[in-house]
Amino acid sequence: MRTPKRIHLFYYHVASNIGDLAINEGLLKILNNFRNTEINIFILDGKDSPHLEKSLPKDLSPQFLSGREADSLTITIMSELQPSLVESCDMIIINSGEHFFQYEHGENDYSLFWRLLPAFVAVRKKIPVVFFPSTVGPFITDESKALFKAFLSCCTQAYVREKCSLDYVNDELSLSSHEGYDISIAPDPAFFLELNESNRNGLGFPSEDAVALVMRLEDWGIRIKDSERKEKNKQHVSEGFVNSVSYQFACTLVDELLVNSNKNIVLFSQTLADKKLNIALEKKYASTGRVFHNEPSGVQDYLNKLSFVGCVVASRFHALIMGMVVGKKPYGVYFENHGHKMPGLFSMLDLDNYCNVLNLNNVVPVAQGVARSILDDGDYPLEATLSKVEDMKDGFVKSISEVKKDVAISQEKIDSFQGSLVDLACSMVAKKHGEKPWMKRGVEMTSGDDPASLKHQLYSLVEHHADICEKLKSEINAAQEESEILRECLAEKKVRNSLQDSHEEHPERALGLDFSQPKEQAKG
């Protein structure tokens, strides 16, 4: 393939989480392999974010898309976004991340819809779509599974960033290469980062023999229902986090290291959501003089500080990746309600023994086991792991440099993609207007149909939505013209009626006479 002249990226992450910013920076570094290519970045709903300035390099000028203000159903049917979003580009990239899942609470529907929509608009215009390495699944409903399968079938190239997602795509979504699905595994873009400059000054902690500990609360994250995570977070704060599994794991690990070694422990807050937990831990161990809380200011500051620790223990995915970037041993712990990306990462790197699930029943033995591994890590296969990462990086760069521009996507696949997006858009509209009488009446009218028939009817109806709108618009315009004519006629009739009333009351006026009493004259 010839080098693309212009690539559009959907979407650039705007967040307080340095992990998201690491994806951004790593992705741009990957795209530097395309010489003389213009990279246009797009941001979803981030124009007013307090994290926007921190998230953007000074030399980037993003374009913003506000999905909250758009008519998702009409856009899907018409296959149109703002013209500048897809026109005059040679490739569209769907950025890496964790937004590709669907649970019963449906709170990720909006994000899933708007992250896949640019791909649909692109394939309708015969523009190649590359899905960058991401975590995929789970998808709870048949409709969401069908949507993501349709999306993958329309991608020129598609990648997942860890082994569990690859297994999920192949097994749970039942994809196979002979059906036109070609899904590969590749490193998260953060693996492509490099430390620009090592600087020991201003670290905020002793650089000798330190362990980085990067924990997230078990009840916080985009996969957890918003009301539940807010309620749990409020509870944790009121209790001082002492009943949190994250807190208990951290305390057990810190206690083990303080008693059995001379190591210092650095509590890194990778995002604002981690800060209160780390402050509570720092306060608990303040008297030891060996536990430090640190807030990196950005990607490079984080890499620099991680380069001065001995290893990284984390339930934060990108803390472990960024640690490996600067040559540090990773020890992963995770919670099942945060998805499968953590065990998937360690499985991809053949490090399954260094990753553990955490819960209330095993928190103490897992923490003790991690401490023992840190203190006796002579067998850790770090060199082989980093070598494997480099090989995977080289393979990925080579692969995306060979993206073909003229890959034909069948109309059947495009129609399937559109139909699934319409289903999701209709579901979003239904949730938004669920209490409206017309929506309830619509449910009553179709409640007797089987799901397949209902889906067909729904799609048949919305497929003609644009034509109906145009016809209604024409009829409204015609009605307005008729209304204007009628208004003129009524005005004329009103004048005639007024004259007729006057003649009936004073018939002599019809003869030009007037016998009414003269008005009282003003006295001089």
Protein backbone atom coordinates (compact mmCIF):
# COMPACT_ATOMS: atom_id res chain seq x y z
CA MET A 1 0.00 0.00 0.00
CA ARG A 2 1.12 3.52 -0.71
CA THR A 3 1.69 5.75 2.31
CA PRO A 4 -1.62 7.34 3.34
CA LYS A 5 -1.72 11.10 2.92
CA ARG A 6 -4.23 11.67 5.69
CA ILE A 7 -5.30 9.52 8.65
CA HIS A 8 -8.27 10.31 10.90
CA LEU A 9 -8.13 9.03 14.48
CA PHE A 10 -11.33 8.35 16.46
CA TYR A 11 -11.03 9.20 19.33
CA TYR A 12 -8.19 10.84 21.20
CA HIS A 13 -8.55 10.15 24.93
CA VAL A 14 -9.23 13.06 27.28
CA ALA A 15 -8.83 11.95 30.89
CA SER A 16 -7.08 12.37 34.23
CA ASN A 17 -5.85 8.77 33.88
CA ILE A 18 -2.25 8.76 32.68
CA GLY A 19 -2.91 5.30 31.23
CA ASP A 20 -5.28 6.81 28.66
CA LEU A 21 -2.75 9.51 27.84
CA ALA A 22 -0.09 6.81 27.42
CA ILE A 23 -2.28 5.23 24.72
CA ASN A 24 -2.47 8.59 22.94
CA GLU A 25 1.25 9.22 23.05
CA GLY A 26 2.15 5.68 22.07
CA LEU A 27 -0.27 5.71 19.15
CA LEU A 28 1.17 8.94 17.76
CA LYS A 29 4.62 7.40 18.03
CA ILE A 30 3.43 4.41 16.00
CA LEU A 31 1.94 6.67 13.36
CA ASN A 32 5.28 8.46 12.98
CA ASN A 33 6.21 5.45 10.87
CA PHE A 34 3.94 6.90 8.18
CA ARG A 35 6.20 9.51 6.62
CA ASN A 36 4.63 12.74 5.37
CA THR A 37 1.20 11.69 6.61
CA GLU A 38 -1.21 14.20 8.12
CA ILE A 39 -2.81 12.92 11.32
CA ASN A 40 -6.18 14.44 12.25
CA ILE A 41 -7.49 13.63 15.71
CA PHE A 42 -11.08 13.74 16.87
CA ILE A 43 -12.39 13.98 20.41
CA LEU A 44 -15.79 12.76 21.61
CA ASP A 45 -17.55 15.01 24.13
CA GLY A 46 -14.31 16.38 25.58
CA LYS A 47 -14.40 20.02 24.56
CA ASP A 48 -15.36 21.25 28.03
CA SER A 49 -13.36 18.68 30.01
CA PRO A 50 -11.11 20.07 32.78
CA HIS A 51 -8.52 17.48 31.61
CA LEU A 52 -8.40 18.67 27.99
CA GLU A 53 -5.30 20.83 28.28
CA LYS A 54 -3.34 18.11 30.08
CA SER A 55 -4.41 15.51 27.52
CA LEU A 56 -3.32 17.38 24.39
CA PRO A 57 0.17 18.10 23.08
CA LYS A 58 0.58 21.75 22.14
CA ASP A 59 1.13 21.00 18.46
CA LEU A 60 -2.21 19.17 18.02
CA SER A 61 -5.44 20.88 16.96
CA PRO A 62 -8.28 18.41 17.48
CA GLN A 63 -11.77 18.44 16.05
CA PHE A 64 -14.62 17.86 18.46
CA LEU A 65 -17.72 15.73 18.06
CA SER A 66 -20.63 16.10 20.46
CA GLY A 67 -22.62 12.90 20.43
CA ARG A 68 -24.95 14.14 23.17
CA GLU A 69 -26.34 16.79 20.83
CA ALA A 70 -26.70 14.57 17.76
CA ASP A 71 -29.59 12.47 16.46
CA SER A 72 -27.97 9.04 16.58
CA LEU A 73 -30.80 7.26 14.79
CA THR A 74 -30.97 9.65 11.83
CA ILE A 75 -27.17 9.67 11.51
CA THR A 76 -27.10 5.88 11.33
CA ILE A 77 -29.85 5.71 8.73
CA MET A 78 -28.39 8.49 6.60
CA SER A 79 -24.81 7.17 7.06
CA GLU A 80 -23.57 10.73 7.53
CA LEU A 81 -21.40 12.45 10.10
CA GLN A 82 -20.07 15.97 9.77
CA PRO A 83 -18.44 15.94 6.32
CA SER A 84 -14.99 16.77 7.68
CA LEU A 85 -14.97 13.65 9.85
CA VAL A 86 -14.52 11.13 7.08
CA GLU A 87 -13.96 12.93 3.81
CA SER A 88 -10.55 13.40 2.22
CA CYS A 89 -8.79 10.76 4.30
CA ASP A 90 -7.09 7.51 3.31
CA MET A 91 -7.57 5.60 6.55
CA ILE A 92 -9.60 5.72 9.74
CA ILE A 93 -8.23 4.40 13.02
CA ILE A 94 -10.45 3.39 15.94
CA ASN A 95 -8.27 4.12 18.95
CA SER A 96 -7.20 1.54 21.51
CA GLY A 97 -8.98 1.28 24.82
CA GLU A 98 -11.49 -0.58 26.95
CA HIS A 99 -14.81 0.81 25.73
CA PHE A 100 -15.83 -2.19 23.65
CA PHE A 101 -18.21 -4.13 25.90
CA GLN A 102 -21.87 -4.22 26.89
CA TYR A 103 -23.52 -5.18 30.17
CA GLU A 104 -27.17 -5.53 31.15
CA HIS A 105 -27.29 -2.06 32.71
CA GLY A 106 -26.58 -0.65 29.24
CA GLU A 107 -24.60 2.35 30.46
CA ASN A 108 -21.88 1.77 27.88
CA ASP A 109 -24.31 1.76 24.92
CA TYR A 110 -23.71 5.42 24.13
CA SER A 111 -19.92 5.06 24.16
CA LEU A 112 -20.02 1.85 22.12
CA PHE A 113 -22.31 3.40 19.51
CA TRP A 114 -20.25 6.53 18.95
CA ARG A 115 -16.93 4.66 18.88
CA LEU A 116 -18.16 2.32 16.15
CA LEU A 117 -20.18 4.83 14.11
CA PRO A 118 -17.15 6.45 12.35
CA ALA A 119 -16.14 2.99 11.14
CA PHE A 120 -19.55 2.44 9.57
CA VAL A 121 -19.55 5.81 7.83
CA ALA A 122 -16.03 5.09 6.57
CA VAL A 123 -16.80 1.70 5.04
CA ARG A 124 -19.82 3.17 3.29
CA LYS A 125 -17.37 5.53 1.63
CA LYS A 126 -14.87 2.71 0.92
CA ILE A 127 -12.28 4.08 3.38
CA PRO A 128 -10.14 1.44 5.18
CA VAL A 129 -10.77 1.04 8.90
CA VAL A 130 -8.08 -0.19 11.31
CA PHE A 131 -9.16 -1.21 14.82
CA PHE A 132 -6.14 -0.60 17.06
CA PRO A 133 -5.25 -3.09 19.85
CA SER A 134 -8.04 -3.01 22.43
CA THR A 135 -9.77 -5.06 25.08
CA VAL A 136 -12.98 -6.63 23.74
CA GLY A 137 -15.98 -7.98 25.65
CA PRO A 138 -17.97 -9.22 27.21
CA PHE A 139 -21.16 -8.52 25.23
CA ILE A 140 -24.17 -9.75 27.18
CA THR A 141 -26.96 -9.47 24.61
CA ASP A 142 -27.24 -11.16 21.22
CA GLU A 143 -27.75 -7.75 19.65
CA SER A 144 -24.47 -6.35 21.00
CA LYS A 145 -22.60 -9.48 19.90
CA ALA A 146 -24.06 -9.13 16.41
CA LEU A 147 -23.05 -5.47 16.32
CA PHE A 148 -19.43 -6.09 17.22
CA LYS A 149 -19.14 -9.03 14.84
CA ALA A 150 -20.51 -6.82 12.07
CA PHE A 151 -18.00 -4.11 12.96
CA LEU A 152 -15.06 -6.52 12.89
CA SER A 153 -16.18 -7.91 9.55
CA CYS A 154 -15.95 -4.40 8.06
CA CYS A 155 -12.46 -3.64 9.39
CA THR A 156 -9.55 -3.87 7.00
CA GLN A 157 -7.39 -4.84 9.99
CA ALA A 158 -8.40 -5.46 13.61
CA TYR A 159 -6.32 -6.14 16.72
CA VAL A 160 -6.85 -7.00 20.37
CA ARG A 161 -4.24 -6.15 22.99
CA GLU A 162 -4.27 -9.26 25.16
CA LYS A 163 -4.93 -12.99 25.06
CA CYS A 164 -8.29 -13.09 26.87
CA SER A 165 -9.83 -10.73 24.34
CA LEU A 166 -8.50 -12.87 21.50
CA ASP A 167 -10.06 -15.95 23.09
CA TYR A 168 -13.32 -14.10 23.64
CA VAL A 169 -13.49 -12.93 20.03
CA ASN A 170 -12.74 -16.37 18.65
CA ASP A 171 -14.86 -18.39 21.07
CA GLU A 172 -17.73 -16.29 22.45
CA LEU A 173 -18.29 -14.32 19.24
CA SER A 174 -17.60 -17.44 17.17
CA LEU A 175 -15.43 -15.67 14.63
CA SER A 176 -13.32 -17.50 12.09
CA SER A 177 -10.92 -16.33 9.40
CA HIS A 178 -12.69 -18.19 6.59
CA GLU A 179 -15.78 -16.04 7.20
CA GLY A 180 -13.77 -12.91 6.50
CA TYR A 181 -12.71 -12.12 10.06
CA ASP A 182 -8.99 -11.63 10.59
CA ILE A 183 -8.32 -10.65 14.20
CA SER A 184 -4.74 -10.47 15.47
CA ILE A 185 -3.09 -9.83 18.83
CA ALA A 186 -0.74 -6.87 19.19
CA PRO A 187 0.75 -4.75 22.00
CA ASP A 188 -1.13 -1.85 23.56
CA PRO A 189 0.19 1.44 22.10
CA ALA A 190 1.69 2.35 25.49
CA PHE A 191 4.34 -0.31 24.86
CA PHE A 192 5.71 1.96 22.12
CA LEU A 193 6.56 4.75 24.56
CA GLU A 194 10.14 5.77 25.27
CA LEU A 195 11.59 7.68 28.20
CA ASN A 196 12.89 10.93 26.77
CA GLU A 197 15.15 11.86 29.69
CA SER A 198 16.08 10.23 32.98
CA ASN A 199 16.16 12.71 35.86
CA ARG A 200 16.73 11.80 39.48
CA ASN A 201 15.96 15.33 40.72
CA GLY A 202 12.56 15.96 42.27
CA LEU A 203 11.47 12.33 42.47
CA GLY A 204 9.75 12.77 45.82
CA PHE A 205 10.94 9.42 47.16
CA PRO A 206 14.25 7.60 47.80
CA SER A 207 15.42 6.03 44.57
CA GLU A 208 17.20 3.09 46.22
CA ASP A 209 15.42 -0.25 46.48
CA ALA A 210 11.83 0.98 45.99
CA VAL A 211 8.66 -0.90 45.04
CA ALA A 212 5.96 0.89 43.04
CA LEU A 213 2.43 0.10 44.22
CA VAL A 214 -0.40 1.30 41.96
CA MET A 215 -3.85 0.27 43.20
CA ARG A 216 -7.37 1.07 42.05
CA LEU A 217 -10.54 0.57 44.05
CA GLU A 218 -12.38 -2.64 43.26
CA ASP A 219 -15.70 -0.79 42.96
CA TRP A 220 -14.61 1.95 40.55
CA GLY A 221 -14.40 1.91 36.74
CA ILE A 222 -16.40 2.30 33.54
CA ARG A 223 -17.63 -1.31 33.68
CA ILE A 224 -19.48 -0.76 36.95
CA LYS A 225 -22.91 0.83 37.03
CA ASP A 226 -22.58 4.53 37.79
CA SER A 227 -24.96 4.62 40.76
CA GLU A 228 -23.31 1.57 42.32
CA ARG A 229 -19.76 2.86 42.06
CA LYS A 230 -20.72 6.24 43.47
CA GLU A 231 -22.50 4.62 46.40
CA LYS A 232 -19.57 2.27 47.08
CA ASN A 233 -17.03 5.07 46.80
CA LYS A 234 -18.99 7.17 49.28
CA GLN A 235 -19.03 4.20 51.66
CA HIS A 236 -15.27 3.59 51.30
CA VAL A 237 -14.47 7.24 51.97
CA SER A 238 -16.68 7.32 55.08
CA GLU A 239 -14.97 4.16 56.42
CA GLY A 240 -11.47 5.36 55.63
CA PHE A 241 -11.17 2.56 53.01
CA VAL A 242 -10.40 -0.04 55.70
CA ASN A 243 -13.02 -2.49 54.31
CA SER A 244 -11.80 -2.13 50.75
CA VAL A 245 -10.07 -5.16 49.22
CA SER A 246 -7.58 -2.79 47.55
CA TYR A 247 -6.71 -1.21 50.90
CA GLN A 248 -6.37 -4.57 52.64
CA PHE A 249 -4.13 -5.95 49.88
CA ALA A 250 -1.92 -2.85 49.98
CA CYS A 251 -1.62 -2.98 53.77
CA THR A 252 -0.70 -6.66 53.82
CA LEU A 253 1.91 -6.18 51.07
CA VAL A 254 3.40 -3.09 52.71
CA ASP A 255 3.55 -4.82 56.10
CA GLU A 256 5.37 -7.80 54.57
CA LEU A 257 7.93 -5.59 52.81
CA LEU A 258 8.50 -3.38 55.85
CA VAL A 259 9.12 -6.36 58.13
CA ASN A 260 11.13 -8.57 55.77
CA SER A 261 13.19 -6.05 53.78
CA ASN A 262 14.62 -2.54 53.69
CA LYS A 263 12.57 -1.61 50.64
CA ASN A 264 10.67 1.64 50.32
CA ILE A 265 7.15 1.66 48.89
CA VAL A 266 5.90 4.36 46.49
CA LEU A 267 2.13 4.71 46.16
CA PHE A 268 1.47 6.15 42.72
CA SER A 269 -1.83 7.86 41.94
CA GLN A 270 -2.22 7.22 38.23
CA THR A 271 -5.57 9.01 38.14
CA LEU A 272 -7.68 11.22 40.40
CA ALA A 273 -9.84 8.22 41.35
CA ASP A 274 -6.85 6.62 43.13
CA LYS A 275 -5.80 9.63 45.17
CA LYS A 276 -7.99 9.31 48.28
CA LEU A 277 -7.10 5.65 48.70
CA ASN A 278 -3.38 6.42 48.53
CA ILE A 279 -3.67 9.33 50.93
CA ALA A 280 -5.30 6.99 53.46
CA LEU A 281 -2.49 4.47 53.02
CA GLU A 282 0.21 7.14 53.27
CA LYS A 283 -1.34 8.43 56.49
CA LYS A 284 -1.44 4.94 58.00
CA TYR A 285 2.28 4.40 57.36
CA ALA A 286 3.53 7.95 57.88
CA SER A 287 5.50 7.02 60.99
CA THR A 288 7.59 4.40 59.14
CA GLY A 289 9.30 6.95 56.88
CA ARG A 290 9.35 4.34 54.11
CA VAL A 291 5.98 4.78 52.40
CA PHE A 292 5.55 7.67 49.96
CA HIS A 293 2.63 8.97 47.93
CA ASN A 294 3.41 10.35 44.48
CA GLU A 295 1.27 11.96 41.76
CA PRO A 296 3.01 11.96 38.36
CA SER A 297 2.27 15.03 36.28
CA GLY A 298 2.10 13.21 32.95
CA VAL A 299 3.34 10.34 30.82
CA GLN A 300 7.03 11.28 30.76
CA ASP A 301 7.12 12.13 34.47
CA TYR A 302 5.50 8.76 35.24
CA LEU A 303 8.00 6.87 33.06
CA ASN A 304 10.90 8.70 34.69
CA LYS A 305 9.73 7.91 38.22
CA LEU A 306 9.01 4.28 37.40
CA SER A 307 12.54 3.98 36.04
CA PHE A 308 13.88 4.53 39.58
CA VAL A 309 11.94 1.69 41.26
CA GLY A 310 12.85 -1.99 41.32
CA CYS A 311 9.49 -3.46 40.28
CA VAL A 312 5.84 -2.53 39.82
CA VAL A 313 2.90 -4.10 41.67
CA ALA A 314 -0.39 -2.86 40.28
CA SER A 315 -4.05 -3.38 39.56
CA ARG A 316 -3.64 -0.57 37.02
CA PHE A 317 -3.07 -2.01 33.54
CA HIS A 318 -0.89 0.77 32.14
CA ALA A 319 1.23 1.09 35.28
CA LEU A 320 2.51 -2.40 34.51
CA ILE A 321 3.02 -1.65 30.81
CA MET A 322 4.86 1.61 31.49
CA GLY A 323 6.97 -0.20 34.08
CA MET A 324 8.01 -2.72 31.42
CA VAL A 325 8.82 0.14 29.04
CA VAL A 326 11.54 1.21 31.49
CA GLY A 327 12.61 -2.39 32.19
CA LYS A 328 10.82 -3.17 35.47
CA LYS A 329 9.32 -6.49 36.56
CA PRO A 330 5.48 -6.47 36.58
CA TYR A 331 3.34 -8.11 39.27
CA GLY A 332 -0.36 -7.88 38.47
CA VAL A 333 -3.46 -8.16 40.63
CA TYR A 334 -7.00 -7.57 39.40
CA PHE A 335 -10.67 -7.70 40.28
CA GLU A 336 -13.09 -9.73 38.17
CA ASN A 337 -15.54 -6.86 37.73
CA HIS A 338 -12.82 -4.88 35.92
CA GLY A 339 -12.83 -7.32 33.02
CA HIS A 340 -10.20 -9.66 31.62
CA LYS A 341 -7.52 -7.29 30.33
CA MET A 342 -5.10 -7.91 33.20
CA PRO A 343 -4.99 -11.72 33.05
CA GLY A 344 -5.05 -11.38 29.26
CA LEU A 345 -1.93 -9.21 29.28
CA PHE A 346 0.04 -11.63 31.46
CA SER A 347 -1.14 -14.61 29.42
CA MET A 348 -0.02 -12.91 26.21
CA LEU A 349 3.45 -12.46 27.73
CA ASP A 350 3.59 -15.98 29.23
CA LEU A 351 3.61 -14.50 32.75
CA ASP A 352 0.44 -16.14 34.08
CA ASN A 353 2.12 -17.02 37.39
CA TYR A 354 2.73 -13.35 38.14
CA CYS A 355 -0.92 -12.26 37.94
CA ASN A 356 -3.56 -12.96 40.60
CA VAL A 357 -7.26 -12.26 40.97
CA LEU A 358 -8.18 -10.49 44.23
CA ASN A 359 -11.22 -10.89 46.45
CA LEU A 360 -12.09 -10.76 50.15
CA ASN A 361 -11.33 -14.45 50.58
CA ASN A 362 -7.77 -14.48 49.22
CA VAL A 363 -6.46 -10.97 49.77
CA VAL A 364 -3.97 -11.88 52.52
CA PRO A 365 -2.37 -14.98 50.94
CA VAL A 366 -2.12 -13.24 47.53
CA ALA A 367 -0.39 -10.21 49.06
CA GLN A 368 2.00 -12.47 50.98
CA GLY A 369 2.74 -14.42 47.81
CA VAL A 370 3.51 -11.25 45.84
CA ALA A 371 5.84 -10.08 48.63
CA ARG A 372 7.70 -13.40 48.53
CA SER A 373 8.08 -13.13 44.74
CA ILE A 374 9.50 -9.63 45.02
CA LEU A 375 12.00 -10.67 47.68
CA ASP A 376 13.05 -13.80 45.79
CA ASP A 377 12.71 -12.86 42.11
CA GLY A 378 15.82 -14.53 40.72
CA ASP A 379 13.79 -16.65 38.29
CA TYR A 380 11.66 -13.84 36.87
CA PRO A 381 11.86 -14.12 33.02
CA LEU A 382 12.07 -10.36 32.47
CA GLU A 383 14.60 -10.44 29.64
CA ALA A 384 12.58 -12.98 27.65
CA THR A 385 9.41 -10.98 28.28
CA LEU A 386 10.86 -7.70 27.03
CA SER A 387 12.31 -9.48 23.99
CA LYS A 388 8.88 -10.88 23.15
CA VAL A 389 7.34 -7.43 23.47
CA GLU A 390 9.88 -6.02 20.99
CA ASP A 391 9.12 -8.78 18.49
CA MET A 392 5.38 -8.09 18.78
CA LYS A 393 5.92 -4.37 18.32
CA ASP A 394 7.95 -4.94 15.15
CA GLY A 395 5.29 -7.26 13.78
CA PHE A 396 2.50 -4.78 14.46
CA VAL A 397 4.31 -1.86 12.81
CA LYS A 398 5.01 -4.00 9.75
CA SER A 399 1.39 -5.13 9.62
CA ILE A 400 -0.20 -1.68 9.70
CA SER A 401 2.26 -0.42 7.12
CA GLU A 402 0.72 -2.94 4.72
CA VAL A 403 -2.92 -1.86 5.08
CA LYS A 404 -4.58 -2.19 1.69
CA LYS A 405 -6.68 0.66 0.41
CA ASP A 406 -8.80 -1.32 -2.02
CA VAL A 407 -10.17 -4.04 0.26
CA ALA A 408 -13.73 -4.75 -0.84
CA ILE A 409 -16.33 -4.98 1.93
CA SER A 410 -19.49 -6.70 0.73
CA GLN A 411 -22.76 -4.82 0.78
CA GLU A 412 -24.21 -7.61 2.90
CA LYS A 413 -21.66 -6.93 5.66
CA ILE A 414 -22.24 -3.18 5.47
CA ASP A 415 -26.01 -3.66 5.69
CA SER A 416 -25.56 -5.96 8.68
CA PHE A 417 -23.37 -3.35 10.39
CA GLN A 418 -25.94 -0.65 9.72
CA GLY A 419 -28.82 -2.82 10.94
CA SER A 420 -27.02 -3.54 14.22
CA LEU A 421 -26.19 0.13 14.73
CA VAL A 422 -29.84 1.02 14.08
CA ASP A 423 -30.86 -1.53 16.71
CA LEU A 424 -28.54 0.10 19.26
CA ALA A 425 -29.67 3.60 18.29
CA CYS A 426 -33.32 2.57 18.68
CA SER A 427 -32.52 1.09 22.08
CA MET A 428 -30.89 4.36 23.13
CA VAL A 429 -33.92 6.34 21.93
CA ALA A 430 -36.26 3.95 23.76
CA LYS A 431 -34.36 4.42 27.03
CA LYS A 432 -34.39 8.17 26.61
CA HIS A 433 -38.15 8.31 25.94
CA GLY A 434 -39.23 5.20 27.84
CA GLU A 435 -41.81 7.06 29.90
CA LYS A 436 -43.36 8.86 26.95
CA PRO A 437 -46.91 7.76 26.01
CA TRP A 438 -46.02 7.28 22.32
CA MET A 439 -43.14 4.96 23.21
CA LYS A 440 -45.34 2.89 25.54
CA ARG A 441 -48.00 2.69 22.83
CA GLY A 442 -45.37 1.51 20.35
CA VAL A 443 -44.35 -1.28 22.71
CA GLU A 444 -47.98 -2.34 23.15
CA MET A 445 -48.57 -2.40 19.39
CA THR A 446 -45.56 -4.67 18.75
CA SER A 447 -45.60 -6.79 21.90
CA GLY A 448 -47.27 -9.71 20.15
CA ASP A 449 -44.56 -10.10 17.51
CA ASP A 450 -41.61 -12.43 17.83
CA PRO A 451 -38.21 -10.68 18.23
CA ALA A 452 -36.97 -11.50 14.73
CA SER A 453 -40.13 -10.19 13.11
CA LEU A 454 -40.11 -7.10 15.30
CA LYS A 455 -36.50 -6.39 14.42
CA HIS A 456 -37.31 -6.67 10.72
CA GLN A 457 -40.32 -4.37 11.06
CA LEU A 458 -38.32 -1.85 13.06
CA TYR A 459 -35.51 -1.76 10.55
CA SER A 460 -37.96 -1.52 7.65
CA LEU A 461 -39.58 1.46 9.30
CA VAL A 462 -36.46 3.38 10.22
CA GLU A 463 -34.86 2.62 6.85
CA HIS A 464 -37.40 4.99 5.31
CA HIS A 465 -37.09 7.54 8.10
CA ALA A 466 -35.26 10.08 5.95
CA ASP A 467 -37.79 9.84 3.10
CA ILE A 468 -40.64 10.25 5.52
CA CYS A 469 -38.99 13.33 7.02
CA GLU A 470 -38.53 14.84 3.56
CA LYS A 471 -42.16 14.15 2.67
CA LEU A 472 -43.33 15.65 5.94
CA LYS A 473 -41.14 18.67 5.34
CA SER A 474 -42.68 19.14 1.88
CA GLU A 475 -46.18 18.73 3.28
CA ILE A 476 -45.43 21.24 6.02
CA ASN A 477 -44.14 23.75 3.47
CA ALA A 478 -47.23 23.22 1.33
CA ALA A 479 -49.45 23.58 4.38
CA GLN A 480 -47.71 26.81 5.31
CA GLU A 481 -48.35 28.18 1.81
CA GLU A 482 -52.01 27.13 2.03
CA SER A 483 -52.22 28.66 5.46
CA GLU A 484 -50.92 31.97 4.12
CA ILE A 485 -53.49 31.93 1.32
CA LEU A 486 -56.24 31.05 3.79
CA ARG A 487 -55.10 33.83 6.09
CA GLU A 488 -55.40 36.32 3.23
CA CYS A 489 -58.84 34.97 2.33
CA LEU A 490 -60.00 35.21 5.92
CA ALA A 491 -58.76 38.78 6.14
CA GLU A 492 -60.67 39.67 2.99
CA LYS A 493 -63.77 37.88 4.24
CA LYS A 494 -63.54 39.75 7.53
CA VAL A 495 -63.60 43.08 5.65
CA ARG A 496 -66.62 41.97 3.61
CA ASN A 497 -68.43 40.79 6.72
CA SER A 498 -67.73 44.10 8.43
CA LEU A 499 -69.23 46.01 5.50
CA GLN A 500 -72.24 43.70 5.41
CA ASP A 501 -72.90 44.17 9.14
CA SER A 502 -72.68 47.91 8.72
CA HIS A 503 -75.16 47.87 5.83
CA GLU A 504 -77.66 45.73 7.75
CA GLU A 505 -77.54 48.11 10.72
CA HIS A 506 -77.71 51.26 8.58
CA PRO A 507 -79.38 50.39 5.21
CA GLU A 508 -79.52 54.05 4.27
CA ARG A 509 -75.71 53.98 3.91
CA ALA A 510 -76.09 51.72 0.91
CA LEU A 511 -77.79 54.77 -0.76
CA GLY A 512 -75.06 57.11 0.39
CA LEU A 513 -77.17 58.57 3.25
CA ASP A 514 -76.34 58.70 6.96
CA PHE A 515 -79.08 59.41 9.57
CA SER A 516 -76.97 58.56 12.60
CA GLN A 517 -76.60 61.14 15.35
CA PRO A 518 -73.65 63.53 14.82
CA LYS A 519 -70.87 63.36 17.32
CA GLU A 520 -70.91 65.95 20.06
CA GLN A 521 -68.87 68.92 18.92
CA ALA A 522 -66.07 70.16 21.11
CA LYS A 523 -67.02 73.40 22.81
CA GLY A 524 -64.81 76.40 22.06
